[in-house]
Amino acid sequence: MKFSFGRLGAVLRKELREYRRSPFIVGTMAVLPLVFLIEPLITIFRIGPSVAPSVVDKAVGATFLVLLIAPAMLPAVIAAYSVVGEREQGTLEPLLTTPLRREELLLGKALGVVVPAVGIAYVLFAVIQVCAHLFASNAAVVSALGQGPHILAEILFAPLLAGWSIWVGIGISTRASDVRVAQQLGTLSSIPPLAVVALVSFNVFTPSVTLAVVFALVLLVADVVLFRIVVALFDRERLITGASARRSPSGGGQVPPAGAVRRIRRLGGTDDG
């Protein structure tokens, strides 16, 4: 069976619709960005006009670090829920019985996380820039926030850090049996790449366009490798067996919307009407 962008799109639309039905995911997407926005704004507004340049550099470095924590940790929490959460709700088995390739299912779930997560990260970055231009009392802060390496790092690293967290989170979710454990492990998995970002943000490594591009390429290769590993480890039969074992004898549990399942079956050429 060939890879189908139609089936991939059907999975993506299903994932985005599921967010509206999950108070936990909606709450996470609403609350965490506010946490990551408030601290940088306080840091920027507290810098007076006579503060030394070294203090400004440290404050701006801390601001960019916080802004990059958002696209790393937010996807980790949601991605860790992607498989084990559906298993607990009883929606996983019907999805796995549709004619989906592993790559289509996993990429659809990943895109369902990366699109809102990266979108939120870019919005936070834009809000910080606008607020700094309007309200910051130190012109050096505005200048530092607008430096090319910092902006390039934000643009490149946000989706790549999100990709790392998503693939590790989905990999953990396929093997975990408890949502909370999966989310805790997924959050911890986002720390290693952030450690390197922290070194750059605090000028341990001098920020530059070359450094940003090199680190972005390393993250890109890591994301591709992680995707291949997760696809190889994705065991549909084991997941179906595990989902069946968790269902109650009375057949309790929710199922995905019938329209979503029928659409995936139709795109796979197995619609039975």
C-alpha atoms as a PDB file:
ATOM      1  CA  MET A   1       0.000   0.000   0.000  1.00  0.00           C
ATOM      2  CA  LYS A   2       1.473   3.310  -1.133  1.00  0.00           C
ATOM      3  CA  PHE A   3       1.822   6.323   1.118  1.00  0.00           C
ATOM      4  CA  SER A   4      -1.304   8.483   0.856  1.00  0.00           C
ATOM      5  CA  PHE A   5      -1.442  12.172   1.706  1.00  0.00           C
ATOM      6  CA  GLY A   6      -5.228  11.820   1.733  1.00  0.00           C
ATOM      7  CA  ARG A   7      -5.107   9.335   4.610  1.00  0.00           C
ATOM      8  CA  LEU A   8      -2.459  11.463   6.319  1.00  0.00           C
ATOM      9  CA  GLY A   9      -4.757  14.492   6.075  1.00  0.00           C
ATOM     10  CA  ALA A  10      -7.668  12.476   7.460  1.00  0.00           C
ATOM     11  CA  VAL A  11      -5.600  11.532  10.528  1.00  0.00           C
ATOM     12  CA  LEU A  12      -4.505  15.157  10.979  1.00  0.00           C
ATOM     13  CA  ARG A  13      -8.088  16.418  10.839  1.00  0.00           C
ATOM     14  CA  LYS A  14      -9.152  13.735  13.320  1.00  0.00           C
ATOM     15  CA  GLU A  15      -6.396  14.779  15.733  1.00  0.00           C
ATOM     16  CA  LEU A  16      -7.316  18.470  15.521  1.00  0.00           C
ATOM     17  CA  ARG A  17     -11.001  17.643  16.133  1.00  0.00           C
ATOM     18  CA  GLU A  18     -10.068  15.540  19.163  1.00  0.00           C
ATOM     19  CA  TYR A  19      -8.469  18.558  20.821  1.00  0.00           C
ATOM     20  CA  ARG A  20     -11.873  20.199  21.128  1.00  0.00           C
ATOM     21  CA  ARG A  21     -13.140  17.154  23.023  1.00  0.00           C
ATOM     22  CA  SER A  22     -10.221  17.010  25.463  1.00  0.00           C
ATOM     23  CA  PRO A  23     -10.323  19.587  28.283  1.00  0.00           C
ATOM     24  CA  PHE A  24      -6.818  18.535  29.343  1.00  0.00           C
ATOM     25  CA  ILE A  25      -5.250  19.356  25.965  1.00  0.00           C
ATOM     26  CA  VAL A  26      -7.197  22.606  25.585  1.00  0.00           C
ATOM     27  CA  GLY A  27      -6.181  23.639  29.111  1.00  0.00           C
ATOM     28  CA  THR A  28      -2.537  22.782  28.472  1.00  0.00           C
ATOM     29  CA  MET A  29      -2.469  24.843  25.269  1.00  0.00           C
ATOM     30  CA  ALA A  30      -4.110  27.775  27.042  1.00  0.00           C
ATOM     31  CA  VAL A  31      -2.246  27.856  30.367  1.00  0.00           C
ATOM     32  CA  LEU A  32       1.341  26.883  29.506  1.00  0.00           C
ATOM     33  CA  PRO A  33       1.815  29.637  26.872  1.00  0.00           C
ATOM     34  CA  LEU A  34       0.730  32.248  29.417  1.00  0.00           C
ATOM     35  CA  VAL A  35       3.345  30.957  31.860  1.00  0.00           C
ATOM     36  CA  PHE A  36       6.033  31.196  29.184  1.00  0.00           C
ATOM     37  CA  LEU A  37       4.884  34.709  28.239  1.00  0.00           C
ATOM     38  CA  ILE A  38       4.629  36.362  31.645  1.00  0.00           C
ATOM     39  CA  GLU A  39       8.167  35.668  32.877  1.00  0.00           C
ATOM     40  CA  PRO A  40       9.982  37.116  29.806  1.00  0.00           C
ATOM     41  CA  LEU A  41       7.787  40.215  29.842  1.00  0.00           C
ATOM     42  CA  ILE A  42       8.564  40.839  33.519  1.00  0.00           C
ATOM     43  CA  THR A  43      12.281  40.380  32.830  1.00  0.00           C
ATOM     44  CA  ILE A  44      12.242  42.836  29.921  1.00  0.00           C
ATOM     45  CA  PHE A  45      10.180  45.500  31.658  1.00  0.00           C
ATOM     46  CA  ARG A  46      12.399  45.430  34.770  1.00  0.00           C
ATOM     47  CA  ILE A  47      15.492  46.445  32.795  1.00  0.00           C
ATOM     48  CA  GLY A  48      16.067  50.151  33.322  1.00  0.00           C
ATOM     49  CA  PRO A  49      17.696  52.548  30.850  1.00  0.00           C
ATOM     50  CA  SER A  50      21.020  52.598  32.766  1.00  0.00           C
ATOM     51  CA  VAL A  51      21.520  48.840  33.088  1.00  0.00           C
ATOM     52  CA  ALA A  52      24.882  47.478  31.924  1.00  0.00           C
ATOM     53  CA  PRO A  53      25.033  45.763  28.488  1.00  0.00           C
ATOM     54  CA  SER A  54      26.131  42.468  30.068  1.00  0.00           C
ATOM     55  CA  VAL A  55      22.932  42.395  32.126  1.00  0.00           C
ATOM     56  CA  VAL A  56      20.884  43.108  29.010  1.00  0.00           C
ATOM     57  CA  ASP A  57      22.564  40.231  27.151  1.00  0.00           C
ATOM     58  CA  LYS A  58      21.819  37.810  29.991  1.00  0.00           C
ATOM     59  CA  ALA A  59      18.198  38.937  30.186  1.00  0.00           C
ATOM     60  CA  VAL A  60      17.689  38.574  26.437  1.00  0.00           C
ATOM     61  CA  GLY A  61      19.365  35.148  26.509  1.00  0.00           C
ATOM     62  CA  ALA A  62      17.025  34.047  29.286  1.00  0.00           C
ATOM     63  CA  THR A  63      14.050  35.372  27.309  1.00  0.00           C
ATOM     64  CA  PHE A  64      14.922  33.343  24.218  1.00  0.00           C
ATOM     65  CA  LEU A  65      15.531  30.257  26.323  1.00  0.00           C
ATOM     66  CA  VAL A  66      12.065  30.536  27.869  1.00  0.00           C
ATOM     67  CA  LEU A  67      10.523  31.088  24.428  1.00  0.00           C
ATOM     68  CA  LEU A  68      12.179  27.882  23.166  1.00  0.00           C
ATOM     69  CA  ILE A  69      11.093  25.883  26.195  1.00  0.00           C
ATOM     70  CA  ALA A  70       7.476  26.307  25.057  1.00  0.00           C
ATOM     71  CA  PRO A  71       7.787  24.431  21.710  1.00  0.00           C
ATOM     72  CA  ALA A  72       9.826  21.727  23.456  1.00  0.00           C
ATOM     73  CA  MET A  73       7.662  20.999  26.516  1.00  0.00           C
ATOM     74  CA  LEU A  74       4.178  21.689  25.177  1.00  0.00           C
ATOM     75  CA  PRO A  75       4.424  19.033  22.420  1.00  0.00           C
ATOM     76  CA  ALA A  76       6.028  16.580  24.852  1.00  0.00           C
ATOM     77  CA  VAL A  77       2.972  16.643  27.101  1.00  0.00           C
ATOM     78  CA  ILE A  78       0.481  16.304  24.233  1.00  0.00           C
ATOM     79  CA  ALA A  79       2.446  13.742  22.195  1.00  0.00           C
ATOM     80  CA  ALA A  80       2.854  11.492  25.235  1.00  0.00           C
ATOM     81  CA  TYR A  81      -0.959  11.392  25.405  1.00  0.00           C
ATOM     82  CA  SER A  82      -1.380  10.541  21.701  1.00  0.00           C
ATOM     83  CA  VAL A  83      -1.409   6.720  21.879  1.00  0.00           C
ATOM     84  CA  VAL A  84      -1.774   5.711  25.515  1.00  0.00           C
ATOM     85  CA  GLY A  85      -4.546   8.303  25.929  1.00  0.00           C
ATOM     86  CA  GLU A  86      -6.538   6.813  23.058  1.00  0.00           C
ATOM     87  CA  ARG A  87      -5.954   3.363  24.490  1.00  0.00           C
ATOM     88  CA  GLU A  88      -7.416   4.406  27.847  1.00  0.00           C
ATOM     89  CA  GLN A  89     -10.425   6.022  26.152  1.00  0.00           C
ATOM     90  CA  GLY A  90     -11.064   2.946  23.990  1.00  0.00           C
ATOM     91  CA  THR A  91     -10.603   4.851  20.712  1.00  0.00           C
ATOM     92  CA  LEU A  92      -7.323   3.249  19.658  1.00  0.00           C
ATOM     93  CA  GLU A  93      -8.527  -0.140  18.419  1.00  0.00           C
ATOM     94  CA  PRO A  94     -10.994   1.207  15.791  1.00  0.00           C
ATOM     95  CA  LEU A  95      -8.285   3.558  14.491  1.00  0.00           C
ATOM     96  CA  LEU A  96      -5.683   0.801  14.181  1.00  0.00           C
ATOM     97  CA  THR A  97      -8.060  -1.406  12.202  1.00  0.00           C
ATOM     98  CA  THR A  98      -8.310   1.200   9.430  1.00  0.00           C
ATOM     99  CA  PRO A  99      -6.079   0.799   6.321  1.00  0.00           C
ATOM    100  CA  LEU A 100      -3.388   3.188   7.514  1.00  0.00           C
ATOM    101  CA  ARG A 101       0.327   2.795   7.027  1.00  0.00           C
ATOM    102  CA  ARG A 102       2.343   3.272  10.196  1.00  0.00           C
ATOM    103  CA  GLU A 103       4.017   6.310   8.661  1.00  0.00           C
ATOM    104  CA  GLU A 104       0.657   7.925   7.844  1.00  0.00           C
ATOM    105  CA  LEU A 105      -0.720   7.384  11.328  1.00  0.00           C
ATOM    106  CA  LEU A 106       2.401   8.597  13.125  1.00  0.00           C
ATOM    107  CA  LEU A 107       2.975  11.602  10.857  1.00  0.00           C
ATOM    108  CA  GLY A 108      -0.691  12.580  11.159  1.00  0.00           C
ATOM    109  CA  LYS A 109      -0.476  12.482  14.941  1.00  0.00           C
ATOM    110  CA  ALA A 110       2.832  14.387  14.904  1.00  0.00           C
ATOM    111  CA  LEU A 111       1.477  17.119  12.638  1.00  0.00           C
ATOM    112  CA  GLY A 112      -1.565  17.401  14.884  1.00  0.00           C
ATOM    113  CA  VAL A 113       0.824  18.354  17.706  1.00  0.00           C
ATOM    114  CA  VAL A 114       3.486  20.362  15.885  1.00  0.00           C
ATOM    115  CA  VAL A 115       1.107  22.727  14.067  1.00  0.00           C
ATOM    116  CA  PRO A 116      -0.523  24.256  17.182  1.00  0.00           C
ATOM    117  CA  ALA A 117       2.667  24.023  19.271  1.00  0.00           C
ATOM    118  CA  VAL A 118       4.873  25.851  16.766  1.00  0.00           C
ATOM    119  CA  GLY A 119       2.072  28.310  16.001  1.00  0.00           C
ATOM    120  CA  ILE A 120       1.845  29.161  19.709  1.00  0.00           C
ATOM    121  CA  ALA A 121       5.644  29.533  19.915  1.00  0.00           C
ATOM    122  CA  TYR A 122       5.714  31.996  17.016  1.00  0.00           C
ATOM    123  CA  VAL A 123       2.812  33.976  18.482  1.00  0.00           C
ATOM    124  CA  LEU A 124       4.640  34.237  21.836  1.00  0.00           C
ATOM    125  CA  PHE A 125       7.759  35.442  20.035  1.00  0.00           C
ATOM    126  CA  ALA A 126       5.773  38.064  18.135  1.00  0.00           C
ATOM    127  CA  VAL A 127       4.045  39.289  21.307  1.00  0.00           C
ATOM    128  CA  ILE A 128       7.402  39.639  23.083  1.00  0.00           C
ATOM    129  CA  GLN A 129       8.806  41.649  20.174  1.00  0.00           C
ATOM    130  CA  VAL A 130       5.796  43.969  19.993  1.00  0.00           C
ATOM    131  CA  CYS A 131       5.689  44.542  23.759  1.00  0.00           C
ATOM    132  CA  ALA A 132       9.423  45.231  23.852  1.00  0.00           C
ATOM    133  CA  HIS A 133       9.142  47.847  21.093  1.00  0.00           C
ATOM    134  CA  LEU A 134       6.173  49.525  22.769  1.00  0.00           C
ATOM    135  CA  PHE A 135       7.025  49.396  26.470  1.00  0.00           C
ATOM    136  CA  ALA A 136      10.699  48.522  27.087  1.00  0.00           C
ATOM    137  CA  SER A 137      12.568  51.405  28.727  1.00  0.00           C
ATOM    138  CA  ASN A 138      15.997  50.237  27.523  1.00  0.00           C
ATOM    139  CA  ALA A 139      16.711  50.603  23.796  1.00  0.00           C
ATOM    140  CA  ALA A 140      19.471  47.993  24.038  1.00  0.00           C
ATOM    141  CA  VAL A 141      16.840  45.363  24.909  1.00  0.00           C
ATOM    142  CA  VAL A 142      14.903  46.083  21.723  1.00  0.00           C
ATOM    143  CA  SER A 143      18.112  45.966  19.698  1.00  0.00           C
ATOM    144  CA  ALA A 144      19.240  42.666  21.253  1.00  0.00           C
ATOM    145  CA  LEU A 145      15.854  41.018  20.711  1.00  0.00           C
ATOM    146  CA  GLY A 146      16.013  41.946  17.047  1.00  0.00           C
ATOM    147  CA  GLN A 147      19.443  40.448  16.357  1.00  0.00           C
ATOM    148  CA  GLY A 148      19.564  38.092  13.376  1.00  0.00           C
ATOM    149  CA  PRO A 149      21.002  35.021  15.151  1.00  0.00           C
ATOM    150  CA  HIS A 150      18.328  35.146  17.855  1.00  0.00           C
ATOM    151  CA  ILE A 151      15.491  35.509  15.346  1.00  0.00           C
ATOM    152  CA  LEU A 152      16.897  32.773  13.113  1.00  0.00           C
ATOM    153  CA  ALA A 153      17.302  30.486  16.122  1.00  0.00           C
ATOM    154  CA  GLU A 154      13.672  31.025  17.115  1.00  0.00           C
ATOM    155  CA  ILE A 155      12.406  30.335  13.588  1.00  0.00           C
ATOM    156  CA  LEU A 156      14.528  27.222  13.077  1.00  0.00           C
ATOM    157  CA  PHE A 157      14.638  25.716  16.552  1.00  0.00           C
ATOM    158  CA  ALA A 158      10.933  25.946  17.435  1.00  0.00           C
ATOM    159  CA  PRO A 159       9.729  23.278  14.938  1.00  0.00           C
ATOM    160  CA  LEU A 160      12.884  21.162  15.338  1.00  0.00           C
ATOM    161  CA  LEU A 161      12.713  21.098  19.136  1.00  0.00           C
ATOM    162  CA  ALA A 162       9.017  20.320  18.847  1.00  0.00           C
ATOM    163  CA  GLY A 163       9.869  17.456  16.474  1.00  0.00           C
ATOM    164  CA  TRP A 164      12.328  15.969  18.967  1.00  0.00           C
ATOM    165  CA  SER A 165       9.781  16.129  21.788  1.00  0.00           C
ATOM    166  CA  ILE A 166       6.978  14.751  19.616  1.00  0.00           C
ATOM    167  CA  TRP A 167       8.818  11.676  18.361  1.00  0.00           C
ATOM    168  CA  VAL A 168      10.202  10.799  21.768  1.00  0.00           C
ATOM    169  CA  GLY A 169       6.770  11.436  23.303  1.00  0.00           C
ATOM    170  CA  ILE A 170       4.949   9.260  20.755  1.00  0.00           C
ATOM    171  CA  GLY A 171       7.560   6.532  21.181  1.00  0.00           C
ATOM    172  CA  ILE A 172       7.009   6.569  24.940  1.00  0.00           C
ATOM    173  CA  SER A 173       3.234   6.704  24.459  1.00  0.00           C
ATOM    174  CA  THR A 174       3.234   3.528  22.331  1.00  0.00           C
ATOM    175  CA  ARG A 175       4.997   1.630  25.114  1.00  0.00           C
ATOM    176  CA  ALA A 176       3.528   3.197  28.246  1.00  0.00           C
ATOM    177  CA  SER A 177       0.459   1.910  30.049  1.00  0.00           C
ATOM    178  CA  ASP A 178      -0.331   5.073  32.036  1.00  0.00           C
ATOM    179  CA  VAL A 179      -0.903   8.588  30.696  1.00  0.00           C
ATOM    180  CA  ARG A 180       0.757  10.373  33.616  1.00  0.00           C
ATOM    181  CA  VAL A 181       3.908   8.277  33.436  1.00  0.00           C
ATOM    182  CA  ALA A 182       4.118   8.839  29.668  1.00  0.00           C
ATOM    183  CA  GLN A 183       3.761  12.601  30.081  1.00  0.00           C
ATOM    184  CA  GLN A 184       6.393  12.776  32.817  1.00  0.00           C
ATOM    185  CA  LEU A 185       8.882  10.799  30.753  1.00  0.00           C
ATOM    186  CA  GLY A 186       8.021  12.830  27.650  1.00  0.00           C
ATOM    187  CA  THR A 187       8.689  16.103  29.484  1.00  0.00           C
ATOM    188  CA  LEU A 188      12.057  14.849  30.724  1.00  0.00           C
ATOM    189  CA  SER A 189      12.983  13.865  27.166  1.00  0.00           C
ATOM    190  CA  SER A 190      12.797  17.499  26.025  1.00  0.00           C
ATOM    191  CA  ILE A 191      15.644  18.544  28.331  1.00  0.00           C
ATOM    192  CA  PRO A 192      18.759  17.374  26.346  1.00  0.00           C
ATOM    193  CA  PRO A 193      18.354  19.669  23.307  1.00  0.00           C
ATOM    194  CA  LEU A 194      17.306  22.532  25.579  1.00  0.00           C
ATOM    195  CA  ALA A 195      20.617  22.196  27.428  1.00  0.00           C
ATOM    196  CA  VAL A 196      22.456  23.111  24.212  1.00  0.00           C
ATOM    197  CA  VAL A 197      20.030  25.966  23.559  1.00  0.00           C
ATOM    198  CA  ALA A 198      20.756  27.267  27.064  1.00  0.00           C
ATOM    199  CA  LEU A 199      24.498  27.319  26.352  1.00  0.00           C
ATOM    200  CA  VAL A 200      23.869  29.437  23.260  1.00  0.00           C
ATOM    201  CA  SER A 201      21.313  31.700  24.968  1.00  0.00           C
ATOM    202  CA  PHE A 202      23.731  32.563  27.790  1.00  0.00           C
ATOM    203  CA  ASN A 203      26.651  33.161  25.393  1.00  0.00           C
ATOM    204  CA  VAL A 204      28.687  30.129  26.474  1.00  0.00           C
ATOM    205  CA  PHE A 205      28.779  29.622  22.703  1.00  0.00           C
ATOM    206  CA  THR A 206      28.753  32.899  20.797  1.00  0.00           C
ATOM    207  CA  PRO A 207      25.407  33.187  18.951  1.00  0.00           C
ATOM    208  CA  SER A 208      25.870  33.355  15.198  1.00  0.00           C
ATOM    209  CA  VAL A 209      24.022  32.456  12.024  1.00  0.00           C
ATOM    210  CA  THR A 210      26.497  29.632  11.349  1.00  0.00           C
ATOM    211  CA  LEU A 211      26.021  28.134  14.814  1.00  0.00           C
ATOM    212  CA  ALA A 212      22.233  28.357  14.490  1.00  0.00           C
ATOM    213  CA  VAL A 213      22.256  26.611  11.105  1.00  0.00           C
ATOM    214  CA  VAL A 214      24.645  23.860  12.279  1.00  0.00           C
ATOM    215  CA  PHE A 215      22.605  23.131  15.388  1.00  0.00           C
ATOM    216  CA  ALA A 216      19.410  23.178  13.316  1.00  0.00           C
ATOM    217  CA  LEU A 217      20.878  20.596  10.916  1.00  0.00           C
ATOM    218  CA  VAL A 218      21.883  18.382  13.859  1.00  0.00           C
ATOM    219  CA  LEU A 219      18.342  18.606  15.249  1.00  0.00           C
ATOM    220  CA  LEU A 220      16.873  17.858  11.829  1.00  0.00           C
ATOM    221  CA  VAL A 221      18.956  14.691  11.489  1.00  0.00           C
ATOM    222  CA  ALA A 222      17.999  13.675  15.036  1.00  0.00           C
ATOM    223  CA  ASP A 223      14.294  14.202  14.253  1.00  0.00           C
ATOM    224  CA  VAL A 224      14.509  12.023  11.124  1.00  0.00           C
ATOM    225  CA  VAL A 225      16.341   9.275  13.009  1.00  0.00           C
ATOM    226  CA  LEU A 226      13.807   9.371  15.849  1.00  0.00           C
ATOM    227  CA  PHE A 227      10.945   9.147  13.353  1.00  0.00           C
ATOM    228  CA  ARG A 228      12.478   6.041  11.781  1.00  0.00           C
ATOM    229  CA  ILE A 229      12.997   4.468  15.198  1.00  0.00           C
ATOM    230  CA  VAL A 230       9.415   5.138  16.293  1.00  0.00           C
ATOM    231  CA  VAL A 231       8.040   3.720  13.018  1.00  0.00           C
ATOM    232  CA  ALA A 232      10.153   0.597  13.448  1.00  0.00           C
ATOM    233  CA  LEU A 233       8.989   0.126  17.039  1.00  0.00           C
ATOM    234  CA  PHE A 234       5.300   0.745  16.264  1.00  0.00           C
ATOM    235  CA  ASP A 235       3.652  -2.659  16.732  1.00  0.00           C
ATOM    236  CA  ARG A 236       0.042  -2.478  15.540  1.00  0.00           C
ATOM    237  CA  GLU A 237      -0.824  -6.001  16.693  1.00  0.00           C
ATOM    238  CA  ARG A 238       0.487  -5.432  20.201  1.00  0.00           C
ATOM    239  CA  LEU A 239      -1.366  -2.121  20.467  1.00  0.00           C
ATOM    240  CA  ILE A 240      -4.642  -3.693  19.278  1.00  0.00           C
ATOM    241  CA  THR A 241      -4.233  -6.531  21.764  1.00  0.00           C
ATOM    242  CA  GLY A 242      -3.494  -4.080  24.556  1.00  0.00           C
ATOM    243  CA  ALA A 243      -6.460  -1.902  23.609  1.00  0.00           C
ATOM    244  CA  SER A 244      -8.762  -4.936  23.514  1.00  0.00           C
ATOM    245  CA  ALA A 245      -7.585  -6.057  26.931  1.00  0.00           C
ATOM    246  CA  ARG A 246      -8.448  -2.657  28.402  1.00  0.00           C
ATOM    247  CA  ARG A 247     -11.996  -2.645  27.084  1.00  0.00           C
ATOM    248  CA  SER A 248     -14.689  -3.651  29.515  1.00  0.00           C
ATOM    249  CA  PRO A 249     -16.751  -6.818  28.910  1.00  0.00           C
ATOM    250  CA  SER A 250     -19.753  -4.654  28.161  1.00  0.00           C
ATOM    251  CA  GLY A 251     -17.863  -2.915  25.346  1.00  0.00           C
ATOM    252  CA  GLY A 252     -17.595   0.381  27.193  1.00  0.00           C
ATOM    253  CA  GLY A 253     -15.420   3.218  26.027  1.00  0.00           C
ATOM    254  CA  GLN A 254     -15.702   5.855  23.381  1.00  0.00           C
ATOM    255  CA  VAL A 255     -14.875   5.316  19.729  1.00  0.00           C
ATOM    256  CA  PRO A 256     -13.615   7.793  17.149  1.00  0.00           C
ATOM    257  CA  PRO A 257     -16.345   9.611  15.212  1.00  0.00           C
ATOM    258  CA  ALA A 258     -17.792   7.244  12.627  1.00  0.00           C
ATOM    259  CA  GLY A 259     -17.236   9.786   9.867  1.00  0.00           C
ATOM    260  CA  ALA A 260     -13.500   9.932  10.582  1.00  0.00           C
ATOM    261  CA  VAL A 261     -13.128   6.136  10.512  1.00  0.00           C
ATOM    262  CA  ARG A 262     -15.224   5.807   7.335  1.00  0.00           C
ATOM    263  CA  ARG A 263     -13.180   8.507   5.625  1.00  0.00           C
ATOM    264  CA  ILE A 264      -9.904   6.753   6.414  1.00  0.00           C
ATOM    265  CA  ARG A 265     -11.333   3.423   5.208  1.00  0.00           C
ATOM    266  CA  ARG A 266     -12.592   5.037   2.005  1.00  0.00           C
ATOM    267  CA  LEU A 267      -9.239   6.671   1.307  1.00  0.00           C
ATOM    268  CA  GLY A 268      -7.623   3.290   1.866  1.00  0.00           C
ATOM    269  CA  GLY A 269      -9.878   1.708  -0.730  1.00  0.00           C
ATOM    270  CA  THR A 270     -11.624  -0.584   1.727  1.00  0.00           C
ATOM    271  CA  ASP A 271     -14.882   1.237   2.357  1.00  0.00           C
ATOM    272  CA  ASP A 272     -17.603  -1.328   2.846  1.00  0.00           C
ATOM    273  CA  GLY A 273     -20.357   1.223   2.539  1.00  0.00           C
END
